[in-house]
Amino acid sequence: MCKNLLRKSNGIKKYRKLCYNEFTIQLFKECEKMWTAIYVAEGYDIAKKIENLLNEEGFLVKINTFSKEGDNTLYEILAPEFEAQEVQSFLVDLGII
């Protein structure tokens, strides 16, 4: 499919982006059951901020509700198993962990 996109696109950068997006979608489908919790955040705002930082760095992550007690909600930050250790190292470098 990427080869067909190259013919339709205006350049290699657009081609790479389209292939990356296609790869990301495929990777999410294949890794659906292979997610690892890399961090537990207290509150949605903190979890979303961490998710955005990791996405900006190019990591695939998602947020899942972990626990809810009264007004406190914990969210787990999940990453594919194959890059979980690298994501945790990045969080250590940021001082989050």
C-alpha atoms as a PDB file:
ATOM      1  CA  MET A   1       0.000   0.000   0.000  1.00  0.00           C
ATOM      2  CA  CYS A   2       2.866   2.434   0.742  1.00  0.00           C
ATOM      3  CA  LYS A   3       4.138   2.181  -2.827  1.00  0.00           C
ATOM      4  CA  ASN A   4       0.751   3.265  -4.101  1.00  0.00           C
ATOM      5  CA  LEU A   5       0.756   6.178  -1.664  1.00  0.00           C
ATOM      6  CA  LEU A   6       4.163   7.290  -2.969  1.00  0.00           C
ATOM      7  CA  ARG A   7       2.738   7.641  -6.472  1.00  0.00           C
ATOM      8  CA  LYS A   8      -0.138   9.751  -5.144  1.00  0.00           C
ATOM      9  CA  SER A   9       1.930  11.872  -2.750  1.00  0.00           C
ATOM     10  CA  ASN A  10       3.910  15.008  -3.527  1.00  0.00           C
ATOM     11  CA  GLY A  11       7.166  13.856  -1.982  1.00  0.00           C
ATOM     12  CA  ILE A  12       9.065  11.476   0.180  1.00  0.00           C
ATOM     13  CA  LYS A  13       8.217  13.232   3.470  1.00  0.00           C
ATOM     14  CA  LYS A  14       4.514  12.775   2.891  1.00  0.00           C
ATOM     15  CA  TYR A  15       5.181   9.167   1.841  1.00  0.00           C
ATOM     16  CA  ARG A  16       7.080   8.463   5.057  1.00  0.00           C
ATOM     17  CA  LYS A  17       4.365  10.031   7.168  1.00  0.00           C
ATOM     18  CA  LEU A  18       1.653   7.989   5.461  1.00  0.00           C
ATOM     19  CA  CYS A  19       3.672   4.790   5.823  1.00  0.00           C
ATOM     20  CA  TYR A  20       4.400   5.583   9.464  1.00  0.00           C
ATOM     21  CA  ASN A  21       0.691   6.158  10.132  1.00  0.00           C
ATOM     22  CA  GLU A  22      -0.178   2.918   8.340  1.00  0.00           C
ATOM     23  CA  PHE A  23       2.491   1.083  10.355  1.00  0.00           C
ATOM     24  CA  THR A  24       1.241   2.617  13.608  1.00  0.00           C
ATOM     25  CA  ILE A  25      -2.327   1.518  12.927  1.00  0.00           C
ATOM     26  CA  GLN A  26      -1.152  -1.997  12.040  1.00  0.00           C
ATOM     27  CA  LEU A  27       1.062  -2.107  15.116  1.00  0.00           C
ATOM     28  CA  PHE A  28      -1.835  -1.128  17.383  1.00  0.00           C
ATOM     29  CA  LYS A  29      -3.941  -3.927  15.883  1.00  0.00           C
ATOM     30  CA  GLU A  30      -1.209  -6.541  16.308  1.00  0.00           C
ATOM     31  CA  CYS A  31      -0.210  -5.430  19.812  1.00  0.00           C
ATOM     32  CA  GLU A  32      -3.701  -5.118  21.262  1.00  0.00           C
ATOM     33  CA  LYS A  33      -3.026  -7.833  23.848  1.00  0.00           C
ATOM     34  CA  MET A  34       0.658  -7.048  24.378  1.00  0.00           C
ATOM     35  CA  TRP A  35       0.479  -3.806  26.356  1.00  0.00           C
ATOM     36  CA  THR A  36       2.498  -3.315  29.536  1.00  0.00           C
ATOM     37  CA  ALA A  37       1.761  -0.840  32.317  1.00  0.00           C
ATOM     38  CA  ILE A  38       4.737   1.493  32.599  1.00  0.00           C
ATOM     39  CA  TYR A  39       3.370   4.041  35.063  1.00  0.00           C
ATOM     40  CA  VAL A  40       0.300   4.709  37.211  1.00  0.00           C
ATOM     41  CA  ALA A  41      -0.793   8.347  37.375  1.00  0.00           C
ATOM     42  CA  GLU A  42      -3.174   9.928  39.850  1.00  0.00           C
ATOM     43  CA  GLY A  43      -5.799  11.870  37.926  1.00  0.00           C
ATOM     44  CA  TYR A  44      -6.676  12.175  34.259  1.00  0.00           C
ATOM     45  CA  ASP A  45      -4.853  15.485  33.724  1.00  0.00           C
ATOM     46  CA  ILE A  46      -1.514  14.058  34.843  1.00  0.00           C
ATOM     47  CA  ALA A  47      -2.039  10.878  32.816  1.00  0.00           C
ATOM     48  CA  LYS A  48      -2.914  12.897  29.710  1.00  0.00           C
ATOM     49  CA  LYS A  49       0.127  15.157  30.165  1.00  0.00           C
ATOM     50  CA  ILE A  50       2.430  12.124  30.373  1.00  0.00           C
ATOM     51  CA  GLU A  51       0.725  10.553  27.364  1.00  0.00           C
ATOM     52  CA  ASN A  52       1.286  13.736  25.330  1.00  0.00           C
ATOM     53  CA  LEU A  53       4.968  13.938  26.347  1.00  0.00           C
ATOM     54  CA  LEU A  54       5.510  10.341  25.288  1.00  0.00           C
ATOM     55  CA  ASN A  55       3.603  10.787  22.021  1.00  0.00           C
ATOM     56  CA  GLU A  56       5.702  13.849  21.183  1.00  0.00           C
ATOM     57  CA  GLU A  57       8.799  11.704  21.691  1.00  0.00           C
ATOM     58  CA  GLY A  58       7.364   9.141  19.271  1.00  0.00           C
ATOM     59  CA  PHE A  59       6.257   6.442  21.693  1.00  0.00           C
ATOM     60  CA  LEU A  60       3.020   4.508  21.272  1.00  0.00           C
ATOM     61  CA  VAL A  61       1.072   4.761  24.513  1.00  0.00           C
ATOM     62  CA  LYS A  62      -2.476   4.630  25.752  1.00  0.00           C
ATOM     63  CA  ILE A  63      -4.294   5.413  28.992  1.00  0.00           C
ATOM     64  CA  ASN A  64      -6.546   3.004  30.839  1.00  0.00           C
ATOM     65  CA  THR A  65      -8.530   3.513  34.057  1.00  0.00           C
ATOM     66  CA  PHE A  66      -6.839   1.417  36.734  1.00  0.00           C
ATOM     67  CA  SER A  67      -8.715   2.129  39.944  1.00  0.00           C
ATOM     68  CA  LYS A  68     -11.383   4.459  41.236  1.00  0.00           C
ATOM     69  CA  GLU A  69     -12.072   5.164  44.892  1.00  0.00           C
ATOM     70  CA  GLY A  70     -14.320   8.084  45.696  1.00  0.00           C
ATOM     71  CA  ASP A  71     -12.908  11.176  43.993  1.00  0.00           C
ATOM     72  CA  ASN A  72      -9.506   9.586  43.308  1.00  0.00           C
ATOM     73  CA  THR A  73      -8.961   7.842  39.998  1.00  0.00           C
ATOM     74  CA  LEU A  74      -5.744   6.123  39.003  1.00  0.00           C
ATOM     75  CA  TYR A  75      -4.821   5.727  35.353  1.00  0.00           C
ATOM     76  CA  GLU A  76      -2.250   3.327  34.018  1.00  0.00           C
ATOM     77  CA  ILE A  77      -0.049   4.427  31.144  1.00  0.00           C
ATOM     78  CA  LEU A  78       0.422   1.480  28.804  1.00  0.00           C
ATOM     79  CA  ALA A  79       3.075   0.884  26.156  1.00  0.00           C
ATOM     80  CA  PRO A  80       3.697  -2.054  23.828  1.00  0.00           C
ATOM     81  CA  GLU A  81       5.870  -4.696  25.500  1.00  0.00           C
ATOM     82  CA  PHE A  82       8.683  -4.272  22.992  1.00  0.00           C
ATOM     83  CA  GLU A  83       9.348  -0.652  24.012  1.00  0.00           C
ATOM     84  CA  ALA A  84       8.138  -0.563  27.630  1.00  0.00           C
ATOM     85  CA  GLN A  85      11.655  -0.466  29.084  1.00  0.00           C
ATOM     86  CA  GLU A  86      12.680   2.391  26.781  1.00  0.00           C
ATOM     87  CA  VAL A  87       9.560   4.371  27.709  1.00  0.00           C
ATOM     88  CA  GLN A  88      10.272   3.888  31.425  1.00  0.00           C
ATOM     89  CA  SER A  89      13.862   5.033  30.908  1.00  0.00           C
ATOM     90  CA  PHE A  90      12.550   8.161  29.209  1.00  0.00           C
ATOM     91  CA  LEU A  91      10.210   8.835  32.153  1.00  0.00           C
ATOM     92  CA  VAL A  92      13.181   8.448  34.521  1.00  0.00           C
ATOM     93  CA  ASP A  93      15.152  10.968  32.423  1.00  0.00           C
ATOM     94  CA  LEU A  94      12.237  13.413  32.713  1.00  0.00           C
ATOM     95  CA  GLY A  95      12.119  12.906  36.490  1.00  0.00           C
ATOM     96  CA  ILE A  96       8.579  11.525  36.424  1.00  0.00           C
ATOM     97  CA  ILE A  97       9.600   8.167  37.864  1.00  0.00           C
END
